[in-house]
């Protein structure tokens, strides 16, 4: 099993609560994600997280329509500072995303570091991480435009 890492940094000028709530509530996250068509809250988990069911629609190689369905567990590791997403995506890909927040009250600036770890078949994860990066850059541009 191969592993790939990706670090994306995002900046927002707004109150921390607006960005934090968007990350903590996966339904809100899904509203801005270019591939997610449905996000449904399933249950609270034994690890004090919330599990969601996700339906996506994505074109692979620009023409092959895929409709992956998978579950995501959202964990609040440290309130207002750290949220983690854990999921087993279609094709045996394990995805863990850690969101770390830094808020400057004086400038009303939110710095969000998104650390993505993908594990699985090396050929699949190489393509998957490319799609993920494109989607998340678009997602956070969409979010910034709405704040």
C-alpha atoms as a PDB file:
ATOM      1  CA  UNK A   1       0.000   0.000   0.000  1.00  0.00           C
ATOM      2  CA  UNK A   2       1.467   3.348  -1.083  1.00  0.00           C
ATOM      3  CA  UNK A   3       1.001   6.702   0.659  1.00  0.00           C
ATOM      4  CA  UNK A   4       0.800  10.219  -0.778  1.00  0.00           C
ATOM      5  CA  UNK A   5       0.666  13.463   1.187  1.00  0.00           C
ATOM      6  CA  UNK A   6      -0.610  16.862   0.134  1.00  0.00           C
ATOM      7  CA  UNK A   7      -0.645  20.141   2.060  1.00  0.00           C
ATOM      8  CA  UNK A   8      -2.983  22.954   1.002  1.00  0.00           C
ATOM      9  CA  UNK A   9      -3.171  26.318   2.759  1.00  0.00           C
ATOM     10  CA  UNK A  10      -6.200  28.587   2.654  1.00  0.00           C
ATOM     11  CA  UNK A  11      -6.740  32.114   4.034  1.00  0.00           C
ATOM     12  CA  UNK A  12      -9.999  33.860   4.850  1.00  0.00           C
ATOM     13  CA  UNK A  13     -10.840  37.278   6.227  1.00  0.00           C
ATOM     14  CA  UNK A  14     -13.826  36.552   8.440  1.00  0.00           C
ATOM     15  CA  UNK A  15     -14.810  35.263  11.835  1.00  0.00           C
ATOM     16  CA  UNK A  16     -13.328  31.861  12.738  1.00  0.00           C
ATOM     17  CA  UNK A  17     -16.769  30.417  13.537  1.00  0.00           C
ATOM     18  CA  UNK A  18     -17.930  30.786   9.913  1.00  0.00           C
ATOM     19  CA  UNK A  19     -15.051  28.764   8.459  1.00  0.00           C
ATOM     20  CA  UNK A  20     -14.888  26.295  11.347  1.00  0.00           C
ATOM     21  CA  UNK A  21     -18.608  25.466  11.129  1.00  0.00           C
ATOM     22  CA  UNK A  22     -18.258  24.893   7.388  1.00  0.00           C
ATOM     23  CA  UNK A  23     -15.532  22.277   8.035  1.00  0.00           C
ATOM     24  CA  UNK A  24     -17.152  20.665  11.092  1.00  0.00           C
ATOM     25  CA  UNK A  25     -20.567  20.176   9.422  1.00  0.00           C
ATOM     26  CA  UNK A  26     -19.848  17.912   6.454  1.00  0.00           C
ATOM     27  CA  UNK A  27     -23.226  18.733   4.885  1.00  0.00           C
ATOM     28  CA  UNK A  28     -22.100  22.357   4.541  1.00  0.00           C
ATOM     29  CA  UNK A  29     -18.722  21.209   3.217  1.00  0.00           C
ATOM     30  CA  UNK A  30     -20.549  19.143   0.586  1.00  0.00           C
ATOM     31  CA  UNK A  31     -22.568  22.151  -0.606  1.00  0.00           C
ATOM     32  CA  UNK A  32     -19.376  23.776  -1.913  1.00  0.00           C
ATOM     33  CA  UNK A  33     -17.616  20.605  -3.140  1.00  0.00           C
ATOM     34  CA  UNK A  34     -17.712  20.369  -6.953  1.00  0.00           C
ATOM     35  CA  UNK A  35     -18.224  16.563  -7.016  1.00  0.00           C
ATOM     36  CA  UNK A  36     -20.535  15.955  -4.054  1.00  0.00           C
ATOM     37  CA  UNK A  37     -24.196  15.686  -5.012  1.00  0.00           C
ATOM     38  CA  UNK A  38     -25.587  14.406  -1.706  1.00  0.00           C
ATOM     39  CA  UNK A  39     -24.352  14.312   1.891  1.00  0.00           C
ATOM     40  CA  UNK A  40     -26.523  12.624   4.507  1.00  0.00           C
ATOM     41  CA  UNK A  41     -25.802  12.471   8.245  1.00  0.00           C
ATOM     42  CA  UNK A  42     -25.967   8.852   9.442  1.00  0.00           C
ATOM     43  CA  UNK A  43     -25.075   8.675  13.131  1.00  0.00           C
ATOM     44  CA  UNK A  44     -22.864   9.672  16.007  1.00  0.00           C
ATOM     45  CA  UNK A  45     -19.833   7.395  16.248  1.00  0.00           C
ATOM     46  CA  UNK A  46     -18.204   5.638  19.194  1.00  0.00           C
ATOM     47  CA  UNK A  47     -15.258   8.045  18.889  1.00  0.00           C
ATOM     48  CA  UNK A  48     -17.529  11.101  19.421  1.00  0.00           C
ATOM     49  CA  UNK A  49     -17.573  11.895  15.721  1.00  0.00           C
ATOM     50  CA  UNK A  50     -20.364  12.065  13.181  1.00  0.00           C
ATOM     51  CA  UNK A  51     -20.624   9.673  10.244  1.00  0.00           C
ATOM     52  CA  UNK A  52     -21.969  10.873   6.899  1.00  0.00           C
ATOM     53  CA  UNK A  53     -22.865   9.085   3.672  1.00  0.00           C
ATOM     54  CA  UNK A  54     -21.537  10.829   0.561  1.00  0.00           C
ATOM     55  CA  UNK A  55     -22.623  10.505  -3.060  1.00  0.00           C
ATOM     56  CA  UNK A  56     -20.403  12.035  -5.717  1.00  0.00           C
ATOM     57  CA  UNK A  57     -20.478  12.410  -9.460  1.00  0.00           C
ATOM     58  CA  UNK A  58     -17.151  12.902 -11.206  1.00  0.00           C
ATOM     59  CA  UNK A  59     -15.833  12.539 -14.739  1.00  0.00           C
ATOM     60  CA  UNK A  60     -12.651  10.488 -14.897  1.00  0.00           C
ATOM     61  CA  UNK A  61     -10.338  11.335 -17.782  1.00  0.00           C
ATOM     62  CA  UNK A  62     -12.933  13.902 -18.822  1.00  0.00           C
ATOM     63  CA  UNK A  63     -15.529  11.440 -20.119  1.00  0.00           C
ATOM     64  CA  UNK A  64     -15.974   8.407 -17.839  1.00  0.00           C
ATOM     65  CA  UNK A  65     -18.763   9.203 -15.345  1.00  0.00           C
ATOM     66  CA  UNK A  66     -18.244   7.684 -11.911  1.00  0.00           C
ATOM     67  CA  UNK A  67     -20.689   7.862  -9.011  1.00  0.00           C
ATOM     68  CA  UNK A  68     -18.748   6.852  -5.916  1.00  0.00           C
ATOM     69  CA  UNK A  69     -20.607   6.402  -2.643  1.00  0.00           C
ATOM     70  CA  UNK A  70     -18.741   6.202   0.652  1.00  0.00           C
ATOM     71  CA  UNK A  71     -18.929   7.142   4.325  1.00  0.00           C
ATOM     72  CA  UNK A  72     -16.928   9.835   6.081  1.00  0.00           C
ATOM     73  CA  UNK A  73     -16.334  10.195   9.803  1.00  0.00           C
ATOM     74  CA  UNK A  74     -15.834  13.769  11.014  1.00  0.00           C
ATOM     75  CA  UNK A  75     -13.948  14.163  14.293  1.00  0.00           C
ATOM     76  CA  UNK A  76     -13.450  17.335  16.284  1.00  0.00           C
ATOM     77  CA  UNK A  77      -9.952  16.751  17.653  1.00  0.00           C
ATOM     78  CA  UNK A  78      -9.580  20.150  19.354  1.00  0.00           C
ATOM     79  CA  UNK A  79     -12.393  22.708  19.358  1.00  0.00           C
ATOM     80  CA  UNK A  80     -11.747  25.691  17.062  1.00  0.00           C
ATOM     81  CA  UNK A  81      -8.316  24.295  16.158  1.00  0.00           C
ATOM     82  CA  UNK A  82      -8.382  20.815  14.586  1.00  0.00           C
ATOM     83  CA  UNK A  83     -10.949  18.747  12.645  1.00  0.00           C
ATOM     84  CA  UNK A  84     -10.256  15.363  10.983  1.00  0.00           C
ATOM     85  CA  UNK A  85     -12.063  13.549   8.159  1.00  0.00           C
ATOM     86  CA  UNK A  86     -11.534   9.785   7.772  1.00  0.00           C
ATOM     87  CA  UNK A  87     -12.982   7.720   4.931  1.00  0.00           C
ATOM     88  CA  UNK A  88     -12.546   4.592   2.847  1.00  0.00           C
ATOM     89  CA  UNK A  89     -13.215   5.830  -0.655  1.00  0.00           C
ATOM     90  CA  UNK A  90     -14.207   3.587  -3.541  1.00  0.00           C
ATOM     91  CA  UNK A  91     -11.421   1.344  -4.830  1.00  0.00           C
ATOM     92  CA  UNK A  92      -9.732   0.684  -1.496  1.00  0.00           C
ATOM     93  CA  UNK A  93      -8.419   4.219  -1.055  1.00  0.00           C
ATOM     94  CA  UNK A  94      -8.052   5.378   2.555  1.00  0.00           C
ATOM     95  CA  UNK A  95      -8.317   9.143   2.940  1.00  0.00           C
ATOM     96  CA  UNK A  96      -7.491  11.174   6.056  1.00  0.00           C
ATOM     97  CA  UNK A  97      -7.718  14.962   6.017  1.00  0.00           C
ATOM     98  CA  UNK A  98      -6.604  17.075   8.970  1.00  0.00           C
ATOM     99  CA  UNK A  99      -7.762  20.692   9.070  1.00  0.00           C
ATOM    100  CA  UNK A 100      -5.775  22.938  11.417  1.00  0.00           C
ATOM    101  CA  UNK A 101      -7.019  26.457  12.147  1.00  0.00           C
ATOM    102  CA  UNK A 102      -5.150  29.560  13.285  1.00  0.00           C
ATOM    103  CA  UNK A 103      -7.206  32.681  13.950  1.00  0.00           C
ATOM    104  CA  UNK A 104      -5.884  36.216  14.439  1.00  0.00           C
ATOM    105  CA  UNK A 105      -8.581  38.250  16.215  1.00  0.00           C
ATOM    106  CA  UNK A 106      -6.789  41.534  15.500  1.00  0.00           C
ATOM    107  CA  UNK A 107      -6.875  41.099  11.718  1.00  0.00           C
ATOM    108  CA  UNK A 108      -9.943  38.816  11.594  1.00  0.00           C
ATOM    109  CA  UNK A 109      -7.804  36.433   9.527  1.00  0.00           C
ATOM    110  CA  UNK A 110      -8.313  32.653   9.461  1.00  0.00           C
ATOM    111  CA  UNK A 111      -5.418  30.500   8.264  1.00  0.00           C
ATOM    112  CA  UNK A 112      -6.463  26.950   7.442  1.00  0.00           C
ATOM    113  CA  UNK A 113      -3.891  24.215   6.789  1.00  0.00           C
ATOM    114  CA  UNK A 114      -5.342  21.141   5.076  1.00  0.00           C
ATOM    115  CA  UNK A 115      -3.086  18.080   5.417  1.00  0.00           C
ATOM    116  CA  UNK A 116      -4.259  15.243   3.178  1.00  0.00           C
ATOM    117  CA  UNK A 117      -2.975  11.650   3.431  1.00  0.00           C
ATOM    118  CA  UNK A 118      -4.086   9.111   0.826  1.00  0.00           C
ATOM    119  CA  UNK A 119      -3.242   5.387   1.044  1.00  0.00           C
ATOM    120  CA  UNK A 120      -3.891   2.667  -1.508  1.00  0.00           C
ATOM    121  CA  UNK A 121      -2.710   1.366  -4.855  1.00  0.00           C
ATOM    122  CA  UNK A 122       0.029   3.754  -6.007  1.00  0.00           C
ATOM    123  CA  UNK A 123      -1.456   4.236  -9.498  1.00  0.00           C
ATOM    124  CA  UNK A 124      -4.938   4.903  -8.164  1.00  0.00           C
ATOM    125  CA  UNK A 125      -3.838   7.308  -5.450  1.00  0.00           C
ATOM    126  CA  UNK A 126      -1.631   9.285  -7.858  1.00  0.00           C
ATOM    127  CA  UNK A 127      -4.675  10.048 -10.009  1.00  0.00           C
ATOM    128  CA  UNK A 128      -7.000  10.398  -7.007  1.00  0.00           C
ATOM    129  CA  UNK A 129      -4.836  13.020  -5.294  1.00  0.00           C
ATOM    130  CA  UNK A 130      -4.754  15.062  -8.512  1.00  0.00           C
ATOM    131  CA  UNK A 131      -8.583  15.067  -8.617  1.00  0.00           C
ATOM    132  CA  UNK A 132      -8.768  15.823  -4.900  1.00  0.00           C
ATOM    133  CA  UNK A 133      -6.399  18.793  -5.141  1.00  0.00           C
ATOM    134  CA  UNK A 134      -8.366  20.307  -8.026  1.00  0.00           C
ATOM    135  CA  UNK A 135     -11.677  19.783  -6.202  1.00  0.00           C
ATOM    136  CA  UNK A 136     -10.474  21.240  -2.907  1.00  0.00           C
ATOM    137  CA  UNK A 137      -8.904  24.313  -4.501  1.00  0.00           C
ATOM    138  CA  UNK A 138     -12.224  24.952  -6.243  1.00  0.00           C
ATOM    139  CA  UNK A 139     -14.177  24.196  -3.052  1.00  0.00           C
ATOM    140  CA  UNK A 140     -12.233  26.730  -0.973  1.00  0.00           C
ATOM    141  CA  UNK A 141     -12.458  29.340  -3.747  1.00  0.00           C
ATOM    142  CA  UNK A 142     -16.239  28.781  -3.699  1.00  0.00           C
ATOM    143  CA  UNK A 143     -16.276  29.169   0.082  1.00  0.00           C
ATOM    144  CA  UNK A 144     -14.161  32.339   0.016  1.00  0.00           C
ATOM    145  CA  UNK A 145     -16.541  33.854  -2.526  1.00  0.00           C
ATOM    146  CA  UNK A 146     -19.504  33.214  -0.239  1.00  0.00           C
ATOM    147  CA  UNK A 147     -18.027  34.773   2.915  1.00  0.00           C
END
